[in-house]
Protein backbone atom coordinates (compact mmCIF):
# COMPACT_ATOMS: atom_id res chain seq x y z
CA UNK A 1 -303.86 -148.64 26.05
CA UNK A 2 -306.95 -150.39 26.59
CA UNK A 3 -305.60 -153.73 25.16
CA UNK A 4 -302.44 -153.17 27.49
CA UNK A 5 -305.18 -152.81 30.53
CA UNK A 6 -306.61 -156.07 29.68
CA UNK A 7 -303.64 -157.92 29.18
CA UNK A 8 -302.67 -156.50 32.45
CA UNK A 9 -305.95 -157.74 34.16
CA UNK A 10 -305.34 -161.33 32.61
CA UNK A 11 -301.89 -160.97 34.34
CA UNK A 12 -303.57 -159.84 37.71
CA UNK A 13 -305.98 -162.93 37.25
CA UNK A 14 -308.85 -160.21 37.02
CA UNK A 15 -312.00 -161.08 34.48
CA UNK A 16 -310.84 -159.84 30.97
CA UNK A 17 -311.68 -161.65 28.37
CA UNK A 18 -316.00 -161.79 27.99
CA UNK A 19 -317.34 -164.86 26.31
CA UNK A 20 -318.95 -162.86 24.11
CA UNK A 21 -315.99 -160.70 22.72
CA UNK A 22 -315.87 -161.06 19.03
CA UNK A 23 -312.86 -163.17 17.19
CA UNK A 24 -311.55 -160.06 16.02
CA UNK A 25 -311.16 -158.41 19.39
CA UNK A 26 -309.42 -161.05 21.09
CA UNK A 27 -307.12 -161.07 18.03
CA UNK A 28 -306.51 -157.14 18.70
CA UNK A 29 -305.71 -157.86 22.47
CA UNK A 30 -303.03 -160.21 21.25
CA UNK A 31 -301.44 -158.37 18.64
CA UNK A 32 -301.62 -155.20 20.95
CA UNK A 33 -300.16 -156.58 23.86
CA UNK A 34 -297.17 -158.47 21.35
CA UNK A 35 -296.01 -154.85 20.11
CA UNK A 36 -296.07 -153.33 23.52
CA UNK A 37 -293.97 -156.08 25.10
CA UNK A 38 -291.69 -155.94 21.55
CA UNK A 39 -291.14 -152.19 22.74
CA UNK A 40 -290.62 -152.91 25.90
CA UNK A 41 -287.65 -155.34 25.53
CA UNK A 42 -285.69 -152.97 23.54
CA UNK A 43 -285.29 -151.00 26.81
CA UNK A 44 -283.63 -153.67 28.82
CA UNK A 45 -281.77 -154.39 25.57
CA UNK A 46 -280.16 -150.79 26.29
CA UNK A 47 -279.89 -151.45 29.91
CA UNK A 48 -277.90 -154.73 29.77
CA UNK A 49 -275.35 -153.28 27.06
CA UNK A 50 -275.02 -149.82 28.16
CA UNK A 51 -271.36 -150.24 28.81
CA UNK A 52 -270.22 -150.84 25.58
CA UNK A 53 -272.01 -148.38 23.09
CA UNK A 54 -272.30 -150.97 19.91
CA UNK A 55 -274.11 -153.82 21.80
CA UNK A 56 -276.45 -151.32 23.48
CA UNK A 57 -277.69 -150.10 19.82
CA UNK A 58 -277.92 -152.74 18.40
CA UNK A 59 -279.78 -154.57 21.53
CA UNK A 60 -283.05 -152.07 20.36
CA UNK A 61 -283.66 -154.16 17.42
CA UNK A 62 -282.13 -157.48 18.74
CA UNK A 63 -284.29 -157.76 21.92
CA UNK A 64 -287.36 -157.07 20.09
CA UNK A 65 -286.56 -159.43 17.65
CA UNK A 66 -286.13 -162.36 19.74
CA UNK A 67 -289.42 -161.56 21.95
CA UNK A 68 -291.22 -161.56 18.64
CA UNK A 69 -289.89 -164.60 16.90
CA UNK A 70 -289.62 -166.77 20.14
CA UNK A 71 -293.31 -165.77 20.77
CA UNK A 72 -294.32 -166.11 17.15
CA UNK A 73 -292.38 -169.58 16.90
CA UNK A 74 -294.36 -171.18 19.70
CA UNK A 75 -297.87 -170.38 18.79
CA UNK A 76 -298.30 -173.13 15.99
CA UNK A 77 -296.87 -175.80 18.23
CA UNK A 78 -299.10 -175.05 20.98
CA UNK A 79 -302.37 -174.30 18.73
CA UNK A 80 -301.76 -177.94 17.38
CA UNK A 81 -301.67 -179.53 20.89
CA UNK A 82 -304.37 -177.58 21.74
CA UNK A 83 -306.30 -178.90 18.59
CA UNK A 84 -305.21 -182.58 19.16
CA UNK A 85 -306.21 -182.42 22.85
CA UNK A 86 -309.83 -181.04 21.71
CA UNK A 87 -309.42 -178.99 24.77
CA UNK A 88 -312.81 -176.83 25.77
CA UNK A 89 -311.19 -173.77 25.79
CA UNK A 90 -310.78 -171.54 22.86
CA UNK A 91 -308.02 -170.99 21.10
CA UNK A 92 -307.79 -166.85 21.56
CA UNK A 93 -308.13 -167.10 25.17
CA UNK A 94 -304.67 -169.41 24.90
CA UNK A 95 -303.40 -167.12 22.80
CA UNK A 96 -304.40 -164.35 25.15
CA UNK A 97 -303.04 -165.73 27.83
CA UNK A 98 -300.01 -166.26 26.31
CA UNK A 99 -299.41 -163.08 24.95
CA UNK A 100 -300.19 -161.75 28.83
CA UNK A 101 -297.38 -163.98 30.12
CA UNK A 102 -295.13 -162.64 27.18
CA UNK A 103 -295.95 -158.81 28.33
CA UNK A 104 -295.43 -159.40 31.78
CA UNK A 105 -292.67 -160.84 31.80
CA UNK A 106 -291.15 -158.09 29.69
CA UNK A 107 -292.60 -155.79 32.74
CA UNK A 108 -290.21 -157.57 34.63
CA UNK A 109 -287.49 -156.90 32.69
CA UNK A 110 -288.03 -153.03 32.22
CA UNK A 111 -288.19 -152.56 36.21
CA UNK A 112 -285.26 -154.56 36.53
CA UNK A 113 -283.40 -152.37 33.60
CA UNK A 114 -282.49 -149.44 36.14
CA UNK A 115 -280.59 -151.41 38.75
CA UNK A 116 -279.14 -153.12 35.58
CA UNK A 117 -277.59 -150.39 34.10
CA UNK A 118 -276.42 -149.21 37.19
CA UNK A 119 -274.17 -152.52 38.39
CA UNK A 120 -272.95 -152.39 34.69
CA UNK A 121 -271.48 -148.98 35.17
CA UNK A 122 -270.24 -150.30 38.93
CA UNK A 123 -269.57 -153.77 39.27
CA UNK A 124 -267.73 -155.94 36.62
CA UNK A 125 -268.99 -159.03 38.45
CA UNK A 126 -272.39 -157.78 39.79
CA UNK A 127 -273.85 -156.38 36.38
CA UNK A 128 -273.67 -159.83 34.00
CA UNK A 129 -275.28 -161.46 37.15
CA UNK A 130 -278.10 -159.37 37.73
CA UNK A 131 -278.60 -159.25 33.72
CA UNK A 132 -279.09 -162.93 33.91
CA UNK A 133 -280.62 -162.96 36.78
CA UNK A 134 -283.08 -160.75 35.40
CA UNK A 135 -283.80 -162.95 32.51
CA UNK A 136 -284.94 -165.94 34.31
CA UNK A 137 -286.76 -163.88 36.51
CA UNK A 138 -288.74 -162.50 33.90
CA UNK A 139 -289.24 -166.23 32.06
CA UNK A 140 -290.54 -167.54 35.35
CA UNK A 141 -292.95 -164.72 35.80
CA UNK A 142 -293.95 -165.01 32.46
CA UNK A 143 -294.22 -168.73 32.27
CA UNK A 144 -296.10 -168.54 35.57
CA UNK A 145 -299.17 -166.02 34.71
CA UNK A 146 -299.27 -167.73 31.35
CA UNK A 147 -300.31 -171.18 33.45
CA UNK A 148 -302.24 -169.07 36.47
CA UNK A 149 -304.19 -167.47 33.50
CA UNK A 150 -305.03 -170.71 31.65
CA UNK A 151 -305.97 -172.58 34.76
CA UNK A 152 -308.13 -169.72 35.81
CA UNK A 153 -310.09 -169.48 32.59
CA UNK A 154 -310.69 -173.05 32.73
CA UNK A 155 -311.96 -173.71 36.09
CA UNK A 156 -312.15 -176.10 38.11
CA UNK A 157 -312.46 -180.09 37.62
CA UNK A 158 -310.68 -182.43 35.13
CA UNK A 159 -311.14 -179.55 32.02
CA UNK A 160 -307.60 -178.04 33.65
CA UNK A 161 -305.82 -181.40 32.76
CA UNK A 162 -306.89 -180.57 28.98
CA UNK A 163 -304.89 -177.58 28.73
CA UNK A 164 -301.77 -179.08 30.27
CA UNK A 165 -300.27 -180.24 27.03
CA UNK A 166 -301.13 -176.96 25.03
CA UNK A 167 -299.42 -174.78 28.19
CA UNK A 168 -296.32 -176.93 28.28
CA UNK A 169 -295.79 -177.48 24.52
CA UNK A 170 -295.97 -173.42 24.09
CA UNK A 171 -293.61 -172.92 26.92
CA UNK A 172 -291.36 -175.05 25.83
CA UNK A 173 -291.31 -173.92 21.87
CA UNK A 174 -290.94 -170.52 23.52
CA UNK A 175 -287.56 -171.43 25.47
CA UNK A 176 -286.32 -173.75 22.92
CA UNK A 177 -286.48 -171.02 20.25
CA UNK A 178 -285.21 -168.21 22.57
CA UNK A 179 -281.93 -170.20 23.23
CA UNK A 180 -281.11 -170.37 19.65
CA UNK A 181 -282.33 -167.28 18.60
CA UNK A 182 -279.99 -165.77 21.70
CA UNK A 183 -277.18 -167.22 19.70
CA UNK A 184 -277.36 -165.99 16.41
CA UNK A 185 -278.40 -162.54 17.93
CA UNK A 186 -275.21 -162.33 19.93
CA UNK A 187 -273.43 -160.62 21.46
CA UNK A 188 -276.20 -159.04 23.62
CA UNK A 189 -274.37 -158.81 26.75
CA UNK A 190 -270.89 -157.29 26.72
CA UNK A 191 -269.38 -160.46 28.39
CA UNK A 192 -269.49 -163.59 26.71
CA UNK A 193 -271.99 -166.13 28.21
CA UNK A 194 -272.90 -169.94 27.41
CA UNK A 195 -275.96 -168.80 26.22
CA UNK A 196 -273.88 -167.03 23.04
CA UNK A 197 -273.48 -170.30 21.69
CA UNK A 198 -276.84 -171.78 21.69
CA UNK A 199 -277.78 -175.52 22.79
CA UNK A 200 -274.58 -176.76 21.59
CA UNK A 201 -272.37 -174.93 24.04
CA UNK A 202 -275.08 -175.37 26.89
CA UNK A 203 -274.75 -179.15 26.78
CA UNK A 204 -270.90 -178.67 26.54
CA UNK A 205 -270.81 -176.92 29.28
CA UNK A 206 -272.98 -179.07 30.83
CA UNK A 207 -270.72 -182.50 29.63
CA UNK A 208 -267.30 -181.08 30.89
CA UNK A 209 -269.36 -180.23 34.26
CA UNK A 210 -270.32 -183.93 34.66
CA UNK A 211 -267.19 -185.26 32.88
CA UNK A 212 -264.88 -183.98 35.91
């Protein structure tokens, strides 16, 4: 619980990591926050698939898998970008703020889970729209928390620009990995969406749209 509280403090912009914290303490925060995010993601998956029992049961492990693998998949590229830019910023700070963003995003999903489940049982149109909308909102909030946390940790001045590349690379890699993992794990929603086909279907749909 102390780990989750620390990550929530990071998400709120409060000082949570001390300069004298050991490497092991920082890694404990990262791992604990990621495990909490994985657990929270399964609750949203249950709500999103509640209209079809096999889909809901499958989401109990699919959503945690997607969150975990997309986060782990983004870390190596983000750390490489951090190393190449020579940012005066500890790698564990980057990881802790990234994990805080992931946790904040899954918290958004959990908060919206009841209304997603309610509308899935009462509206054929609003249920899928709310489910997709909650995902986009969670991605936006998570990215915003990550960017804000890194910015506040670095401080003002030119030093902020040294962490732009690691942050952008980390977010881009997570989104790219997330898109394909959703395609592999589909169905996640009872309905077929453009994201079930991964990048091929998303770009194919966009190409068809512009060719009309």
